[in-house]
């Protein structure tokens, strides 16, 4: 009789296959299942041949092949397919068995599923998995949440297959109850959107203002990746700029429209619901939306001809240094906004998030892995109650040193007609956050004028609201007090 497997995985797309191979390479026996059973046979007789990987042709066969408590990981498309498989699995599982969703599910769905699966006497984990195809195979970042009692059962597998940082620590730890794991993965993806758009804006400034070619830009990104900007996305940008097809950089042949799978949009939507100024990340989502209007943009370029044409007569090396500082400063601001959002969500949903551990989980394996995540971990280890990353002594010093570059790069872009939605959002957030008195006093007066929404006063205690009869015709009746 064949030995029972440590875990079963449903879904043999790229991520599913590679996670299975990763698990097997770390000493775990795995059973693979796919609704299209031909994929099971092709995998077992192909990439998995000769390995401790078993193929199952039915849910019953899959469940029967697993050690107790059974652990079944879903690597299927988010949404209805997850719910469908949960319903297929439940009748075959026993009390205490564990269902794991490793896809990009929206965290409210995970919250609902945790409650539902637990009501059946089972346990449920919703986990973010980041790192793409290569990460899944060699070591991803894993962000699990859900039924806390299930963590010790899956911990050896998850931490065994996760990426490891320099000191050997795995880029995986328990995030929190309910949908916390998928929430943190959503924020990760939002930061990823922002990072990618920032790099694209720097690229366009190099190309259209400085007139640099792909080879020259490759050398700059290569240099940056050896310094404070060292990160996976800078690394792959370096490699992309060097890649040629028939002697021509392939980057120059790629259509300038970008797609999205929804996690960035979710991040922006949830930020609005929580009242968090996630300005940079949200602008990165809108930048993709604008890029998708390719035909309209081509037509508009023939009509909206008024505006500056890019030119540059300054010190090129100095401007490249300013581009580096601008990118660093804007990246820090993006992370600061993301962490501010996680802090707000933890309060809203009752999660106990360890922000230093989250930075550790992102230091390796995932798409946003970068050198300064170690500094972020130190910041929250030193002060777990840090309200904003920009207020940490290390990052406060860094952002103040780099803000001049961000300011000058954004100004140069505007004067040259180059759109930089994320760079400009970054400097606007920085200036807004450090401004003691914003013009919202006028905004509140306007709201009270047309809607009697009331306002607070500087010369009165917070929480005491006032209404002015601005026209003499409005009376003393006011609306309900505003919410901040």
Protein backbone atom coordinates (compact mmCIF):
# COMPACT_ATOMS: atom_id res chain seq x y z
CA UNK A 1 0.00 0.00 0.00
CA UNK A 2 1.34 3.43 -0.99
CA UNK A 3 2.26 5.84 1.80
CA UNK A 4 -0.30 8.51 2.53
CA UNK A 5 0.46 12.04 1.31
CA UNK A 6 1.17 15.01 3.58
CA UNK A 7 -1.01 17.34 1.53
CA UNK A 8 -3.24 17.38 -1.54
CA UNK A 9 -3.26 20.17 -4.12
CA UNK A 10 -6.16 20.91 -6.46
CA UNK A 11 -5.31 22.89 -9.59
CA UNK A 12 -2.51 22.16 -12.03
CA UNK A 13 -1.93 25.54 -13.62
CA UNK A 14 1.56 27.05 -13.39
CA UNK A 15 1.39 28.00 -9.69
CA UNK A 16 -0.17 24.70 -8.63
CA UNK A 17 2.34 22.54 -10.47
CA UNK A 18 5.31 24.49 -9.19
CA UNK A 19 4.12 24.52 -5.58
CA UNK A 20 3.69 20.74 -5.73
CA UNK A 21 7.23 20.30 -7.08
CA UNK A 22 8.50 22.67 -4.39
CA UNK A 23 6.75 20.68 -1.64
CA UNK A 24 8.11 17.39 -2.95
CA UNK A 25 11.64 18.78 -3.14
CA UNK A 26 11.43 19.68 0.56
CA UNK A 27 10.56 16.10 1.54
CA UNK A 28 6.74 16.19 1.50
CA UNK A 29 4.62 13.66 -0.34
CA UNK A 30 1.88 15.31 -2.38
CA UNK A 31 -1.28 14.19 -4.16
CA UNK A 32 -2.23 16.23 -7.23
CA UNK A 33 -5.75 16.61 -8.59
CA UNK A 34 -7.28 18.61 -11.40
CA UNK A 35 -10.84 18.67 -12.62
CA UNK A 36 -9.52 17.92 -16.11
CA UNK A 37 -7.92 14.59 -15.22
CA UNK A 38 -5.78 14.47 -18.37
CA UNK A 39 -3.71 17.21 -16.76
CA UNK A 40 -3.11 14.95 -13.77
CA UNK A 41 -1.76 12.14 -15.94
CA UNK A 42 0.35 14.51 -18.03
CA UNK A 43 1.86 16.05 -14.89
CA UNK A 44 2.52 12.75 -13.08
CA UNK A 45 4.11 11.26 -16.19
CA UNK A 46 5.94 14.46 -17.09
CA UNK A 47 7.43 16.99 -14.66
CA UNK A 48 6.50 14.85 -11.63
CA UNK A 49 7.78 11.54 -12.97
CA UNK A 50 9.91 9.64 -10.47
CA UNK A 51 8.99 11.94 -7.60
CA UNK A 52 6.90 11.42 -4.44
CA UNK A 53 3.85 12.84 -6.17
CA UNK A 54 0.64 10.87 -6.59
CA UNK A 55 -2.09 11.63 -9.10
CA UNK A 56 -5.78 11.45 -8.15
CA UNK A 57 -8.64 11.16 -10.64
CA UNK A 58 -11.47 12.06 -8.27
CA UNK A 59 -12.13 14.00 -5.07
CA UNK A 60 -12.73 10.70 -3.27
CA UNK A 61 -9.36 9.34 -4.42
CA UNK A 62 -7.66 12.57 -3.42
CA UNK A 63 -9.10 12.58 0.11
CA UNK A 64 -8.41 8.88 0.57
CA UNK A 65 -4.72 9.42 -0.19
CA UNK A 66 -4.10 11.92 2.62
CA UNK A 67 -2.85 11.65 6.19
CA UNK A 68 -5.15 12.84 8.97
CA UNK A 69 -5.87 15.64 9.59
CA UNK A 70 -6.26 15.96 5.87
CA UNK A 71 -4.90 19.11 4.26
CA UNK A 72 -6.24 20.10 0.83
CA UNK A 73 -4.89 23.21 -0.90
CA UNK A 74 -6.90 24.90 -3.64
CA UNK A 75 -4.86 26.57 -6.38
CA UNK A 76 -7.80 27.54 -8.56
CA UNK A 77 -9.24 30.77 -9.93
CA UNK A 78 -10.65 33.09 -7.26
CA UNK A 79 -14.40 33.43 -6.88
CA UNK A 80 -17.01 30.78 -7.62
CA UNK A 81 -14.50 27.96 -8.37
CA UNK A 82 -13.26 28.18 -4.75
CA UNK A 83 -16.80 27.93 -3.38
CA UNK A 84 -17.60 25.07 -5.74
CA UNK A 85 -14.61 23.04 -4.58
CA UNK A 86 -15.38 23.72 -0.93
CA UNK A 87 -18.82 22.20 -1.48
CA UNK A 88 -17.28 19.20 -3.28
CA UNK A 89 -14.76 18.62 -0.49
CA UNK A 90 -16.89 19.02 2.64
CA UNK A 91 -18.88 15.74 2.34
CA UNK A 92 -15.62 13.74 2.18
CA UNK A 93 -13.77 15.42 5.05
CA UNK A 94 -13.79 14.66 8.78
CA UNK A 95 -13.81 16.99 11.77
CA UNK A 96 -10.57 18.94 12.05
CA UNK A 97 -9.55 18.51 8.41
CA UNK A 98 -8.19 21.63 6.70
CA UNK A 99 -9.10 23.37 3.45
CA UNK A 100 -6.53 25.89 2.20
CA UNK A 101 -7.16 28.54 -0.46
CA UNK A 102 -3.84 29.61 -1.99
CA UNK A 103 -5.32 31.81 -4.74
CA UNK A 104 -5.84 35.56 -4.92
CA UNK A 105 -9.21 35.57 -3.17
CA UNK A 106 -10.76 38.81 -1.94
CA UNK A 107 -10.46 38.90 1.85
CA UNK A 108 -14.23 39.34 2.56
CA UNK A 109 -14.80 36.07 0.69
CA UNK A 110 -12.19 34.41 2.89
CA UNK A 111 -13.85 35.82 6.03
CA UNK A 112 -17.14 34.27 4.89
CA UNK A 113 -15.55 30.94 4.00
CA UNK A 114 -13.72 30.65 7.32
CA UNK A 115 -17.01 31.01 9.18
CA UNK A 116 -18.81 28.60 6.86
CA UNK A 117 -16.17 25.86 6.89
CA UNK A 118 -15.72 26.13 10.67
CA UNK A 119 -19.50 25.72 11.07
CA UNK A 120 -19.05 22.30 9.44
CA UNK A 121 -16.46 21.25 12.04
CA UNK A 122 -13.56 21.80 9.64
CA UNK A 123 -10.75 24.36 9.53
CA UNK A 124 -9.96 26.88 6.80
CA UNK A 125 -6.87 28.82 5.79
CA UNK A 126 -6.81 31.61 3.23
CA UNK A 127 -3.23 32.30 2.27
CA UNK A 128 -1.56 34.75 -0.03
CA UNK A 129 1.22 33.24 -2.15
CA UNK A 130 3.56 35.63 -3.94
CA UNK A 131 6.53 35.13 -6.16
CA UNK A 132 5.08 34.10 -9.47
CA UNK A 133 6.11 30.97 -11.33
CA UNK A 134 9.72 30.98 -10.15
CA UNK A 135 8.81 31.78 -6.56
CA UNK A 136 6.29 28.96 -6.39
CA UNK A 137 8.96 26.51 -7.53
CA UNK A 138 11.97 27.77 -5.57
CA UNK A 139 10.42 29.49 -2.56
CA UNK A 140 7.53 31.99 -2.40
CA UNK A 141 6.40 34.42 0.23
CA UNK A 142 3.40 32.88 2.02
CA UNK A 143 0.88 34.88 4.08
CA UNK A 144 -1.59 32.54 5.85
CA UNK A 145 -4.65 33.54 7.85
CA UNK A 146 -7.96 31.97 8.91
CA UNK A 147 -8.50 29.22 11.50
CA UNK A 148 -5.61 29.74 13.95
CA UNK A 149 -5.90 26.13 15.19
CA UNK A 150 -4.87 24.93 11.74
CA UNK A 151 -1.57 26.83 11.69
CA UNK A 152 0.52 24.26 13.58
CA UNK A 153 -0.66 21.56 11.19
CA UNK A 154 0.42 23.39 8.02
CA UNK A 155 3.37 25.34 9.48
CA UNK A 156 6.04 22.70 8.68
CA UNK A 157 4.93 22.55 5.04
CA UNK A 158 4.47 26.29 4.50
CA UNK A 159 7.68 27.34 6.23
CA UNK A 160 9.51 24.45 4.59
CA UNK A 161 8.66 25.59 1.06
CA UNK A 162 8.81 29.36 1.68
CA UNK A 163 11.71 31.55 0.60
CA UNK A 164 14.45 32.03 3.21
CA UNK A 165 16.27 35.28 3.96
CA UNK A 166 19.93 35.66 4.86
CA UNK A 167 19.58 34.42 8.43
CA UNK A 168 17.53 31.40 7.30
CA UNK A 169 14.22 32.79 8.53
CA UNK A 170 11.30 31.65 6.35
CA UNK A 171 9.23 34.29 4.53
CA UNK A 172 6.09 32.85 6.07
CA UNK A 173 4.36 33.30 9.40
CA UNK A 174 0.84 33.38 10.75
CA UNK A 175 -0.84 36.68 9.81
CA UNK A 176 -4.15 36.62 11.67
CA UNK A 177 -7.73 35.40 11.89
CA UNK A 178 -10.37 35.39 9.18
CA UNK A 179 -9.32 37.05 5.94
CA UNK A 180 -6.14 38.65 7.35
CA UNK A 181 -3.80 36.58 5.16
CA UNK A 182 -5.55 37.48 1.94
CA UNK A 183 -5.85 41.11 3.08
CA UNK A 184 -2.08 41.36 3.54
CA UNK A 185 -1.55 39.73 0.14
CA UNK A 186 -3.95 42.29 -1.38
CA UNK A 187 -1.91 45.15 0.12
CA UNK A 188 1.26 43.46 -1.16
CA UNK A 189 -0.22 43.47 -4.65
CA UNK A 190 -1.27 47.11 -4.30
CA UNK A 191 2.29 48.07 -3.36
CA UNK A 192 3.44 45.99 -6.33
CA UNK A 193 1.19 48.04 -8.64
CA UNK A 194 2.69 51.24 -7.23
CA UNK A 195 6.30 50.02 -7.50
CA UNK A 196 5.83 48.96 -11.12
CA UNK A 197 4.20 52.24 -12.15
CA UNK A 198 6.91 54.28 -10.41
CA UNK A 199 9.60 52.40 -12.33
CA UNK A 200 7.66 52.95 -15.56
CA UNK A 201 7.49 56.70 -14.92
CA UNK A 202 11.25 56.84 -14.28
CA UNK A 203 11.78 54.83 -17.48
CA UNK A 204 9.68 57.28 -19.52
CA UNK A 205 11.59 60.26 -18.13
CA UNK A 206 14.90 58.60 -19.04
CA UNK A 207 13.61 57.78 -22.52
CA UNK A 208 11.65 60.89 -23.49
CA UNK A 209 13.38 63.68 -21.52
CA UNK A 210 16.98 62.45 -21.44
CA UNK A 211 16.77 60.58 -24.77
CA UNK A 212 18.40 57.46 -23.34
CA UNK A 213 18.24 54.15 -25.23
CA UNK A 214 17.50 50.74 -23.71
CA UNK A 215 21.18 49.83 -23.31
CA UNK A 216 21.92 53.06 -21.42
CA UNK A 217 18.90 52.58 -19.17
CA UNK A 218 19.94 48.97 -18.55
CA UNK A 219 23.26 50.20 -17.16
CA UNK A 220 21.53 52.68 -14.83
CA UNK A 221 19.12 50.08 -13.43
CA UNK A 222 22.03 47.65 -13.08
CA UNK A 223 23.87 50.23 -10.96
CA UNK A 224 20.77 51.03 -8.91
CA UNK A 225 20.19 47.37 -8.16
CA UNK A 226 23.55 47.25 -6.41
CA UNK A 227 22.58 50.03 -3.98
CA UNK A 228 19.65 51.08 -1.81
CA UNK A 229 17.15 50.39 -4.59
CA UNK A 230 18.16 46.72 -4.75
CA UNK A 231 14.91 44.85 -5.38
CA UNK A 232 13.33 42.19 -7.56
CA UNK A 233 11.46 44.71 -9.73
CA UNK A 234 14.59 46.82 -10.35
CA UNK A 235 16.44 43.59 -11.16
CA UNK A 236 13.94 42.41 -13.75
CA UNK A 237 13.69 45.92 -15.25
CA UNK A 238 17.46 45.79 -15.73
CA UNK A 239 17.13 42.45 -17.51
CA UNK A 240 14.13 43.48 -19.63
CA UNK A 241 15.97 46.54 -20.96
CA UNK A 242 18.88 44.34 -22.05
CA UNK A 243 16.76 41.72 -23.84
CA UNK A 244 16.91 41.91 -27.62
CA UNK A 245 15.04 40.28 -30.48
CA UNK A 246 16.77 40.38 -33.86
CA UNK A 247 19.22 42.89 -32.40
CA UNK A 248 16.48 45.28 -31.29
CA UNK A 249 15.35 45.83 -27.68
CA UNK A 250 12.07 43.94 -27.32
CA UNK A 251 10.80 46.61 -24.91
CA UNK A 252 10.42 48.96 -27.90
CA UNK A 253 8.09 46.47 -29.62
CA UNK A 254 5.61 45.97 -26.79
CA UNK A 255 2.20 47.67 -26.98
CA UNK A 256 1.73 50.31 -24.27
CA UNK A 257 -1.46 48.99 -22.68
CA UNK A 258 -1.53 47.26 -19.30
CA UNK A 259 -4.00 44.79 -17.85
CA UNK A 260 -4.91 43.91 -14.28
CA UNK A 261 -6.52 41.03 -12.40
CA UNK A 262 -8.29 43.09 -9.75
CA UNK A 263 -6.15 43.04 -6.60
CA UNK A 264 -4.92 46.60 -7.13
CA UNK A 265 -8.49 47.79 -7.65
CA UNK A 266 -9.57 45.97 -4.47
CA UNK A 267 -6.79 47.73 -2.56
CA UNK A 268 -7.97 51.15 -3.70
CA UNK A 269 -11.63 50.36 -3.02
CA UNK A 270 -10.93 49.11 0.51
CA UNK A 271 -8.75 52.18 1.18
CA UNK A 272 -11.73 54.39 0.33
CA UNK A 273 -13.95 52.33 2.63
CA UNK A 274 -11.43 52.66 5.47
CA UNK A 275 -10.78 56.35 4.78
CA UNK A 276 -7.05 55.85 4.17
CA UNK A 277 -5.23 58.17 1.70
CA UNK A 278 -3.76 55.40 -0.44
CA UNK A 279 -3.07 57.95 -3.14
CA UNK A 280 0.03 56.55 -4.83
CA UNK A 281 -1.23 52.99 -5.15
CA UNK A 282 -4.66 54.12 -6.35
CA UNK A 283 -3.06 56.32 -9.01
CA UNK A 284 -1.15 53.28 -10.25
CA UNK A 285 -4.46 51.50 -10.86
CA UNK A 286 -5.85 54.49 -12.75
CA UNK A 287 -2.62 54.66 -14.79
CA UNK A 288 -3.33 51.14 -16.05
CA UNK A 289 -6.92 52.13 -16.84
CA UNK A 290 -5.67 55.13 -18.83
CA UNK A 291 -3.13 52.99 -20.69
CA UNK A 292 -5.97 50.73 -21.81
CA UNK A 293 -7.55 53.65 -23.72
CA UNK A 294 -4.95 53.22 -26.48
CA UNK A 295 -7.16 54.13 -29.46
CA UNK A 296 -8.54 57.19 -27.66
CA UNK A 297 -5.03 58.31 -26.71
CA UNK A 298 -3.80 57.98 -30.28
CA UNK A 299 -6.75 60.08 -31.50
CA UNK A 300 -6.28 62.63 -28.70
CA UNK A 301 -2.60 63.03 -29.55
CA UNK A 302 -3.67 64.44 -32.93
CA UNK A 303 -6.13 66.93 -31.39
CA UNK A 304 -4.69 67.97 -28.01
CA UNK A 305 -1.44 69.29 -29.44
CA UNK A 306 -1.03 72.21 -27.04
CA UNK A 307 1.61 71.46 -24.43
CA UNK A 308 5.38 71.24 -24.04
CA UNK A 309 7.59 68.94 -26.04
CA UNK A 310 10.24 67.10 -24.01
CA UNK A 311 13.68 68.69 -24.00
CA UNK A 312 16.59 68.77 -21.60
CA UNK A 313 19.63 71.05 -21.39
CA UNK A 314 20.70 70.49 -17.79
CA UNK A 315 23.21 68.24 -16.09
CA UNK A 316 22.29 64.71 -17.17
CA UNK A 317 24.18 62.93 -14.40
CA UNK A 318 22.64 65.17 -11.76
CA UNK A 319 19.16 64.47 -13.10
CA UNK A 320 19.79 60.71 -13.07
CA UNK A 321 20.78 61.04 -9.40
CA UNK A 322 17.53 62.93 -8.81
CA UNK A 323 15.61 60.16 -10.57
CA UNK A 324 17.17 57.64 -8.19
CA UNK A 325 16.23 59.74 -5.16
CA UNK A 326 12.72 60.30 -6.52
CA UNK A 327 12.17 56.59 -7.01
CA UNK A 328 13.46 55.75 -3.53
CA UNK A 329 11.36 58.45 -1.83
CA UNK A 330 8.18 57.52 -3.70
CA UNK A 331 8.68 53.81 -2.91
CA UNK A 332 8.99 54.59 0.80
CA UNK A 333 5.81 56.69 0.64
CA UNK A 334 3.97 53.85 -1.12
CA UNK A 335 4.96 51.37 1.61
CA UNK A 336 4.05 53.92 4.29
CA UNK A 337 0.56 54.20 2.81
CA UNK A 338 0.22 50.42 2.58
CA UNK A 339 1.22 49.94 6.22
CA UNK A 340 -1.10 52.75 7.28
CA UNK A 341 -3.92 50.86 5.56
CA UNK A 342 -3.03 47.57 7.28
CA UNK A 343 -3.05 49.33 10.67
CA UNK A 344 -6.51 50.75 9.96
CA UNK A 345 -7.81 47.36 8.78
CA UNK A 346 -6.46 45.61 11.88
CA UNK A 347 -8.47 48.02 14.02
CA UNK A 348 -11.58 47.70 11.84
CA UNK A 349 -11.58 43.89 11.63
CA UNK A 350 -10.08 43.00 15.00
CA UNK A 351 -6.86 41.50 13.64
CA UNK A 352 -3.57 41.44 15.55
CA UNK A 353 -1.10 42.05 12.74
CA UNK A 354 2.65 41.88 13.36
CA UNK A 355 3.97 44.53 10.98
CA UNK A 356 7.62 43.60 11.45
CA UNK A 357 6.84 39.98 10.59
CA UNK A 358 4.93 41.10 7.49
CA UNK A 359 8.04 42.94 6.32
CA UNK A 360 10.03 39.76 6.97
CA UNK A 361 7.57 37.74 4.89
CA UNK A 362 8.09 40.20 2.02
CA UNK A 363 11.90 40.21 2.20
CA UNK A 364 12.22 37.14 0.01
CA UNK A 365 10.27 35.18 -2.57
CA UNK A 366 7.66 37.82 -3.38
CA UNK A 367 7.44 40.36 -6.18
CA UNK A 368 8.05 43.42 -3.97
CA UNK A 369 11.07 41.97 -2.17
CA UNK A 370 13.68 44.65 -1.68
CA UNK A 371 16.62 45.61 0.47
CA UNK A 372 14.81 48.21 2.57
CA UNK A 373 12.19 45.74 3.82
CA UNK A 374 14.81 44.83 6.41
CA UNK A 375 14.74 48.46 7.53
CA UNK A 376 10.93 48.34 7.67
CA UNK A 377 11.09 45.26 9.90
CA UNK A 378 13.55 47.07 12.20
CA UNK A 379 11.26 50.12 12.31
CA UNK A 380 8.28 48.11 13.56
CA UNK A 381 10.40 45.90 15.80
CA UNK A 382 11.69 49.08 17.47
CA UNK A 383 8.21 50.60 17.71
CA UNK A 384 5.27 48.21 17.12
CA UNK A 385 2.88 51.18 17.61
CA UNK A 386 4.51 53.27 14.85
CA UNK A 387 1.64 55.23 13.27
CA UNK A 388 3.39 55.96 9.98
CA UNK A 389 6.59 54.59 8.48
CA UNK A 390 7.69 58.13 7.58
CA UNK A 391 7.96 58.93 11.30
CA UNK A 392 10.51 56.20 11.99
CA UNK A 393 13.92 57.89 12.56
CA UNK A 394 15.64 55.95 9.77
CA UNK A 395 12.98 56.60 7.15
CA UNK A 396 12.35 60.19 8.30
CA UNK A 397 16.02 60.92 7.62
CA UNK A 398 15.94 59.09 4.28
CA UNK A 399 12.74 60.70 3.00
CA UNK A 400 13.90 64.18 3.94
CA UNK A 401 17.19 63.60 2.14
CA UNK A 402 15.45 62.31 -1.01
CA UNK A 403 12.37 64.54 -1.16
CA UNK A 404 14.22 67.27 -3.08
CA UNK A 405 14.94 64.80 -5.89
CA UNK A 406 11.29 63.70 -5.96
CA UNK A 407 10.19 67.34 -6.05
CA UNK A 408 12.56 68.33 -8.89
CA UNK A 409 11.83 65.23 -10.97
CA UNK A 410 8.08 65.78 -10.67
CA UNK A 411 8.47 69.45 -11.64
CA UNK A 412 10.66 68.53 -14.63
CA UNK A 413 8.10 65.97 -15.76
CA UNK A 414 5.27 68.52 -15.57
CA UNK A 415 7.25 71.14 -17.47
CA UNK A 416 8.01 68.58 -20.19
CA UNK A 417 4.47 67.24 -20.50
CA UNK A 418 5.36 63.79 -19.14
CA UNK A 419 2.60 62.17 -17.02
CA UNK A 420 3.89 60.99 -13.63
CA UNK A 421 0.75 60.20 -11.61
CA UNK A 422 2.51 58.14 -8.95
CA UNK A 423 5.59 60.33 -8.49
CA UNK A 424 3.35 63.39 -8.15
CA UNK A 425 1.02 61.54 -5.78
CA UNK A 426 4.07 60.71 -3.67
CA UNK A 427 5.28 64.29 -3.23
CA UNK A 428 1.71 65.51 -2.68
CA UNK A 429 1.22 62.97 0.12
CA UNK A 430 4.54 63.91 1.70
CA UNK A 431 3.68 67.62 1.66
CA UNK A 432 0.12 67.00 2.81
CA UNK A 433 1.19 64.75 5.68
CA UNK A 434 3.78 67.23 6.96
CA UNK A 435 1.44 70.26 6.70
CA UNK A 436 0.11 71.31 10.08
CA UNK A 437 -2.87 73.23 8.68
CA UNK A 438 -4.57 72.15 5.44
CA UNK A 439 -7.38 74.08 3.67
CA UNK A 440 -10.05 71.64 4.85
CA UNK A 441 -11.37 74.42 7.07
CA UNK A 442 -12.72 76.11 3.93
CA UNK A 443 -14.06 72.78 2.69
CA UNK A 444 -15.94 72.30 5.96
CA UNK A 445 -17.33 75.82 5.71
CA UNK A 446 -18.55 75.04 2.18
CA UNK A 447 -20.24 71.85 3.36
CA UNK A 448 -21.90 73.66 6.22
CA UNK A 449 -23.01 76.48 3.89
CA UNK A 450 -24.84 74.27 1.38
CA UNK A 451 -25.79 71.32 3.58
CA UNK A 452 -25.65 72.43 7.22
CA UNK A 453 -23.15 69.60 7.84
CA UNK A 454 -21.52 71.44 10.80
CA UNK A 455 -17.85 71.93 11.64
CA UNK A 456 -15.45 71.91 14.57
CA UNK A 457 -13.60 75.01 15.76
CA UNK A 458 -9.98 75.65 16.69
CA UNK A 459 -11.07 77.57 19.78
CA UNK A 460 -13.35 74.79 21.06
CA UNK A 461 -12.78 71.16 22.16
CA UNK A 462 -12.65 68.42 19.52
CA UNK A 463 -15.98 66.62 19.17
CA UNK A 464 -18.07 69.78 19.63
CA UNK A 465 -19.89 70.77 16.42
CA UNK A 466 -21.18 74.11 15.18
CA UNK A 467 -23.42 75.40 12.41
CA UNK A 468 -23.50 78.90 10.95
CA UNK A 469 -26.55 80.47 9.30
CA UNK A 470 -24.39 81.75 6.41
CA UNK A 471 -27.19 83.43 4.39
CA UNK A 472 -29.55 84.47 7.15
CA UNK A 473 -32.22 82.28 5.53
CA UNK A 474 -31.16 78.87 6.77
CA UNK A 475 -32.28 78.89 10.38
CA UNK A 476 -30.46 77.06 13.16
CA UNK A 477 -31.28 73.47 12.15
CA UNK A 478 -28.21 71.44 11.16
CA UNK A 479 -27.63 68.10 9.51
CA UNK A 480 -25.92 65.18 11.22
CA UNK A 481 -22.27 65.75 12.06
CA UNK A 482 -19.70 64.78 9.50
CA UNK A 483 -17.49 61.71 9.70
CA UNK A 484 -13.73 61.78 9.24
